[in-house]
C-alpha atoms as a PDB file:
ATOM      1  CA  PHE A   1       2.102  10.513   3.409  1.00  0.00           C
ATOM      2  CA  PRO A   2      -0.497   8.555   5.416  1.00  0.00           C
ATOM      3  CA  THR A   3      -3.308  10.781   3.805  1.00  0.00           C
ATOM      4  CA  LYS A   4      -2.129  10.215   0.262  1.00  0.00           C
ATOM      5  CA  LEU A   5      -1.793   6.457   0.926  1.00  0.00           C
ATOM      6  CA  HIS A   6      -5.371   6.179   2.117  1.00  0.00           C
ATOM      7  CA  LEU A   7      -6.430   8.423  -0.868  1.00  0.00           C
ATOM      8  CA  MET A   8      -4.342   5.964  -3.261  1.00  0.00           C
ATOM      9  CA  LEU A   9      -5.971   2.846  -1.644  1.00  0.00           C
ATOM     10  CA  SER A  10      -9.501   4.375  -1.990  1.00  0.00           C
ATOM     11  CA  LYS A  11      -9.007   5.559  -5.502  1.00  0.00           C
ATOM     12  CA  VAL A  12      -7.357   2.226  -6.746  1.00  0.00           C
ATOM     13  CA  GLU A  13     -10.474   0.404  -5.251  1.00  0.00           C
ATOM     14  CA  GLU A  14     -12.907   2.766  -7.246  1.00  0.00           C
ATOM     15  CA  GLU A  15     -11.024   2.296 -10.480  1.00  0.00           C
ATOM     16  CA  GLY A  16     -10.990  -1.549  -9.946  1.00  0.00           C
ATOM     17  CA  LEU A  17      -7.192  -1.830  -9.776  1.00  0.00           C
ATOM     18  CA  ASN A  18      -7.420  -4.138  -6.611  1.00  0.00           C
ATOM     19  CA  ASP A  19      -5.320  -6.868  -8.542  1.00  0.00           C
ATOM     20  CA  ILE A  20      -2.517  -4.530  -8.031  1.00  0.00           C
ATOM     21  CA  VAL A  21      -2.721  -3.072  -4.629  1.00  0.00           C
ATOM     22  CA  SER A  22      -5.770  -3.361  -2.048  1.00  0.00           C
ATOM     23  CA  TRP A  23      -6.853  -3.324   1.342  1.00  0.00           C
ATOM     24  CA  GLN A  24      -7.021  -6.792   2.908  1.00  0.00           C
ATOM     25  CA  PRO A  25     -10.852  -7.692   3.493  1.00  0.00           C
ATOM     26  CA  HIS A  26     -10.727  -6.804   7.197  1.00  0.00           C
ATOM     27  CA  GLY A  27      -9.369  -3.359   6.336  1.00  0.00           C
ATOM     28  CA  ARG A  28      -6.568  -3.235   8.920  1.00  0.00           C
ATOM     29  CA  CYS A  29      -3.549  -3.644   6.426  1.00  0.00           C
ATOM     30  CA  PHE A  30      -2.895  -3.434   2.792  1.00  0.00           C
ATOM     31  CA  LEU A  31      -1.069  -5.538   0.213  1.00  0.00           C
ATOM     32  CA  VAL A  32       0.790  -4.824  -2.945  1.00  0.00           C
ATOM     33  CA  HIS A  33      -0.025  -7.771  -5.267  1.00  0.00           C
ATOM     34  CA  LYS A  34       1.954  -6.624  -8.204  1.00  0.00           C
ATOM     35  CA  PRO A  35       4.990  -4.595  -7.423  1.00  0.00           C
ATOM     36  CA  LYS A  36       5.985  -3.914 -10.977  1.00  0.00           C
ATOM     37  CA  GLU A  37       2.595  -2.477 -11.902  1.00  0.00           C
ATOM     38  CA  PHE A  38       2.433  -0.800  -8.782  1.00  0.00           C
ATOM     39  CA  VAL A  39       5.581   1.186  -9.452  1.00  0.00           C
ATOM     40  CA  ASP A  40       4.808   1.947 -13.125  1.00  0.00           C
ATOM     41  CA  GLU A  41       1.191   2.562 -13.096  1.00  0.00           C
ATOM     42  CA  ILE A  42       0.236   3.871  -9.385  1.00  0.00           C
ATOM     43  CA  MET A  43       2.943   5.353  -7.778  1.00  0.00           C
ATOM     44  CA  PRO A  44       3.664   8.104  -9.988  1.00  0.00           C
ATOM     45  CA  THR A  45       0.105   9.445  -9.729  1.00  0.00           C
ATOM     46  CA  PHE A  46       0.034   9.686  -5.957  1.00  0.00           C
ATOM     47  CA  PHE A  47       3.853   9.662  -4.815  1.00  0.00           C
ATOM     48  CA  ARG A  48       7.152  11.433  -5.807  1.00  0.00           C
ATOM     49  CA  GLN A  49       9.187   8.000  -5.171  1.00  0.00           C
ATOM     50  CA  SER A  50       9.724   6.163  -8.420  1.00  0.00           C
ATOM     51  CA  LYS A  51      11.113   2.919  -6.589  1.00  0.00           C
ATOM     52  CA  LEU A  52       9.553   0.387  -4.363  1.00  0.00           C
ATOM     53  CA  THR A  53      12.349   0.371  -1.988  1.00  0.00           C
ATOM     54  CA  SER A  54      11.811   4.203  -1.460  1.00  0.00           C
ATOM     55  CA  PHE A  55       8.107   3.621  -1.075  1.00  0.00           C
ATOM     56  CA  GLN A  56       8.912   0.986   1.797  1.00  0.00           C
ATOM     57  CA  ARG A  57      11.494   3.267   3.626  1.00  0.00           C
ATOM     58  CA  GLN A  58       8.772   5.867   3.694  1.00  0.00           C
ATOM     59  CA  LEU A  59       6.143   3.281   5.294  1.00  0.00           C
ATOM     60  CA  ASN A  60       9.101   2.420   7.568  1.00  0.00           C
ATOM     61  CA  LEU A  61       9.476   6.180   8.472  1.00  0.00           C
ATOM     62  CA  TYR A  62       5.943   6.351   9.412  1.00  0.00           C
ATOM     63  CA  GLY A  63       5.808   3.319  11.582  1.00  0.00           C
ATOM     64  CA  PHE A  64       4.392   0.720   9.287  1.00  0.00           C
ATOM     65  CA  SER A  65       5.171  -2.792   9.748  1.00  0.00           C
ATOM     66  CA  ARG A  66       5.606  -5.489   7.065  1.00  0.00           C
ATOM     67  CA  ILE A  67       3.597  -8.726   8.055  1.00  0.00           C
ATOM     68  CA  THR A  68       5.884 -11.742   7.700  1.00  0.00           C
ATOM     69  CA  ALA A  69       3.487 -14.515   8.672  1.00  0.00           C
ATOM     70  CA  GLY A  70      -0.074 -15.665   8.336  1.00  0.00           C
ATOM     71  CA  ARG A  71      -2.822 -14.968   5.935  1.00  0.00           C
ATOM     72  CA  ASP A  72      -1.789 -11.160   5.537  1.00  0.00           C
ATOM     73  CA  ARG A  73       1.904 -12.137   4.704  1.00  0.00           C
ATOM     74  CA  GLY A  74       3.569  -9.456   2.777  1.00  0.00           C
ATOM     75  CA  GLY A  75       1.075  -6.833   3.821  1.00  0.00           C
ATOM     76  CA  TYR A  76       1.811  -3.263   5.579  1.00  0.00           C
ATOM     77  CA  TYR A  77      -0.062  -2.687   8.821  1.00  0.00           C
ATOM     78  CA  HIS A  78      -0.223   0.430  11.323  1.00  0.00           C
ATOM     79  CA  GLU A  79      -2.608   0.280  14.137  1.00  0.00           C
ATOM     80  CA  LEU A  80      -4.112   3.674  13.402  1.00  0.00           C
ATOM     81  CA  PHE A  81      -4.224   3.287   9.583  1.00  0.00           C
ATOM     82  CA  LEU A  82      -7.532   1.642   8.839  1.00  0.00           C
ATOM     83  CA  ARG A  83      -9.992   1.439   5.942  1.00  0.00           C
END
């Protein structure tokens, strides 16, 4: 899952879809900007999940934390998952 996630973030950046999901500028977390478009356009290409809640559960399973305050609010972070 983490490998697919990293690949997805790289491909999205290459294809110019950063308005839907992207790394934050510092590269230590990523943020889903448009959840509906993320579920409809990006998730089916990279993951078997079809619901955002399933994706979030998978992130939690792998130890990702949701950032709840500050500039990166709403982003997902894992200390070993870096750009």
